[in-house]
């Protein structure tokens, strides 16, 4: 028997408020209690696995690449590039 791990998927909605940049991340498929949120390959935060996180405000850079992972594993979502 071969075990196939479910996929974790990520979608991101980018928006601005008075010039400040925000990204609303939504994911599913994570089975851990918490998830690690990465922005441009750097750990941004470990947060509750409730399927939602808002990153920001960001005031520099034109794009950010996001992904979400189960902590301490290589089980990660797809990467999403966001441009404002």
C-alpha atoms as a PDB file:
ATOM      1  CA  UNK A   1       0.000   0.000   0.000  1.00  0.00           C
ATOM      2  CA  UNK A   2       1.327   3.428  -0.942  1.00  0.00           C
ATOM      3  CA  UNK A   3       0.328   6.428   1.155  1.00  0.00           C
ATOM      4  CA  UNK A   4      -0.222   9.621  -0.800  1.00  0.00           C
ATOM      5  CA  UNK A   5      -0.213  12.828   1.220  1.00  0.00           C
ATOM      6  CA  UNK A   6      -2.941  15.325   0.376  1.00  0.00           C
ATOM      7  CA  UNK A   7      -1.913  18.527  -1.312  1.00  0.00           C
ATOM      8  CA  UNK A   8      -1.840  21.853   0.464  1.00  0.00           C
ATOM      9  CA  UNK A   9      -3.059  24.719  -1.710  1.00  0.00           C
ATOM     10  CA  UNK A  10      -2.586  28.455  -1.273  1.00  0.00           C
ATOM     11  CA  UNK A  11      -4.300  31.443  -2.826  1.00  0.00           C
ATOM     12  CA  UNK A  12      -3.433  35.084  -2.181  1.00  0.00           C
ATOM     13  CA  UNK A  13      -5.376  38.301  -2.691  1.00  0.00           C
ATOM     14  CA  UNK A  14      -3.232  41.467  -2.807  1.00  0.00           C
ATOM     15  CA  UNK A  15      -4.577  44.924  -2.025  1.00  0.00           C
ATOM     16  CA  UNK A  16      -3.491  48.387  -0.888  1.00  0.00           C
ATOM     17  CA  UNK A  17      -4.831  50.705   1.785  1.00  0.00           C
ATOM     18  CA  UNK A  18      -3.464  54.261   1.576  1.00  0.00           C
ATOM     19  CA  UNK A  19      -0.345  52.990  -0.180  1.00  0.00           C
ATOM     20  CA  UNK A  20       0.372  50.192   2.319  1.00  0.00           C
ATOM     21  CA  UNK A  21       0.501  46.747   0.725  1.00  0.00           C
ATOM     22  CA  UNK A  22      -1.346  43.760   2.185  1.00  0.00           C
ATOM     23  CA  UNK A  23      -1.717  40.132   1.170  1.00  0.00           C
ATOM     24  CA  UNK A  24      -4.603  37.992   2.326  1.00  0.00           C
ATOM     25  CA  UNK A  25      -3.506  34.353   2.317  1.00  0.00           C
ATOM     26  CA  UNK A  26      -5.991  31.479   2.280  1.00  0.00           C
ATOM     27  CA  UNK A  27      -4.958  27.811   2.323  1.00  0.00           C
ATOM     28  CA  UNK A  28      -6.379  24.353   2.762  1.00  0.00           C
ATOM     29  CA  UNK A  29      -4.995  20.854   3.086  1.00  0.00           C
ATOM     30  CA  UNK A  30      -2.708  21.477   6.084  1.00  0.00           C
ATOM     31  CA  UNK A  31      -3.242  18.958   8.869  1.00  0.00           C
ATOM     32  CA  UNK A  32      -0.918  20.414  11.515  1.00  0.00           C
ATOM     33  CA  UNK A  33      -2.053  22.603  14.425  1.00  0.00           C
ATOM     34  CA  UNK A  34       0.042  25.526  13.164  1.00  0.00           C
ATOM     35  CA  UNK A  35       1.559  26.532   9.829  1.00  0.00           C
ATOM     36  CA  UNK A  36       4.668  28.469   8.867  1.00  0.00           C
ATOM     37  CA  UNK A  37       4.094  31.374   6.481  1.00  0.00           C
ATOM     38  CA  UNK A  38       7.043  32.205   4.220  1.00  0.00           C
ATOM     39  CA  UNK A  39       7.541  35.413   2.237  1.00  0.00           C
ATOM     40  CA  UNK A  40      10.436  35.420  -0.253  1.00  0.00           C
ATOM     41  CA  UNK A  41      11.819  32.224   1.356  1.00  0.00           C
ATOM     42  CA  UNK A  42      11.977  33.808   4.843  1.00  0.00           C
ATOM     43  CA  UNK A  43       9.802  32.626   7.702  1.00  0.00           C
ATOM     44  CA  UNK A  44       7.356  35.448   8.411  1.00  0.00           C
ATOM     45  CA  UNK A  45       5.255  33.875  11.149  1.00  0.00           C
ATOM     46  CA  UNK A  46       4.065  30.616  12.650  1.00  0.00           C
ATOM     47  CA  UNK A  47       0.315  30.947  12.992  1.00  0.00           C
ATOM     48  CA  UNK A  48      -2.733  28.879  13.808  1.00  0.00           C
ATOM     49  CA  UNK A  49      -3.877  26.583  11.020  1.00  0.00           C
ATOM     50  CA  UNK A  50      -7.230  28.287  10.559  1.00  0.00           C
ATOM     51  CA  UNK A  51      -6.787  28.740   6.801  1.00  0.00           C
ATOM     52  CA  UNK A  52      -6.337  32.531   6.843  1.00  0.00           C
ATOM     53  CA  UNK A  53      -3.559  35.047   7.463  1.00  0.00           C
ATOM     54  CA  UNK A  54      -3.103  38.680   6.432  1.00  0.00           C
ATOM     55  CA  UNK A  55       0.464  39.822   5.815  1.00  0.00           C
ATOM     56  CA  UNK A  56       1.228  43.509   5.964  1.00  0.00           C
ATOM     57  CA  UNK A  57       1.559  46.313   5.841  1.00  0.00           C
ATOM     58  CA  UNK A  58       4.471  46.119   3.431  1.00  0.00           C
ATOM     59  CA  UNK A  59       5.912  49.329   2.080  1.00  0.00           C
ATOM     60  CA  UNK A  60       8.798  48.183  -0.061  1.00  0.00           C
ATOM     61  CA  UNK A  61       9.358  45.839  -2.961  1.00  0.00           C
ATOM     62  CA  UNK A  62       7.189  45.185  -5.954  1.00  0.00           C
ATOM     63  CA  UNK A  63       6.468  41.495  -5.497  1.00  0.00           C
ATOM     64  CA  UNK A  64       6.506  38.812  -2.811  1.00  0.00           C
ATOM     65  CA  UNK A  65       6.497  35.029  -3.194  1.00  0.00           C
ATOM     66  CA  UNK A  66       4.412  33.294  -0.516  1.00  0.00           C
ATOM     67  CA  UNK A  67       4.093  29.690   0.592  1.00  0.00           C
ATOM     68  CA  UNK A  68       2.680  27.938   3.658  1.00  0.00           C
ATOM     69  CA  UNK A  69       4.226  24.828   5.259  1.00  0.00           C
ATOM     70  CA  UNK A  70       3.527  22.459   8.109  1.00  0.00           C
ATOM     71  CA  UNK A  71       6.201  23.342  10.726  1.00  0.00           C
ATOM     72  CA  UNK A  72       9.346  21.236  10.651  1.00  0.00           C
ATOM     73  CA  UNK A  73       8.389  19.455   7.435  1.00  0.00           C
ATOM     74  CA  UNK A  74       8.699  19.831   3.701  1.00  0.00           C
ATOM     75  CA  UNK A  75       4.904  19.549   3.315  1.00  0.00           C
ATOM     76  CA  UNK A  76       4.197  22.932   1.713  1.00  0.00           C
ATOM     77  CA  UNK A  77       1.694  24.651  -0.488  1.00  0.00           C
ATOM     78  CA  UNK A  78       2.269  25.906  -3.968  1.00  0.00           C
ATOM     79  CA  UNK A  79       4.146  29.205  -4.216  1.00  0.00           C
ATOM     80  CA  UNK A  80       2.159  32.307  -5.138  1.00  0.00           C
ATOM     81  CA  UNK A  81       3.818  35.461  -6.480  1.00  0.00           C
ATOM     82  CA  UNK A  82       2.003  38.656  -5.546  1.00  0.00           C
ATOM     83  CA  UNK A  83       2.555  42.038  -7.196  1.00  0.00           C
ATOM     84  CA  UNK A  84       0.876  45.244  -6.139  1.00  0.00           C
END
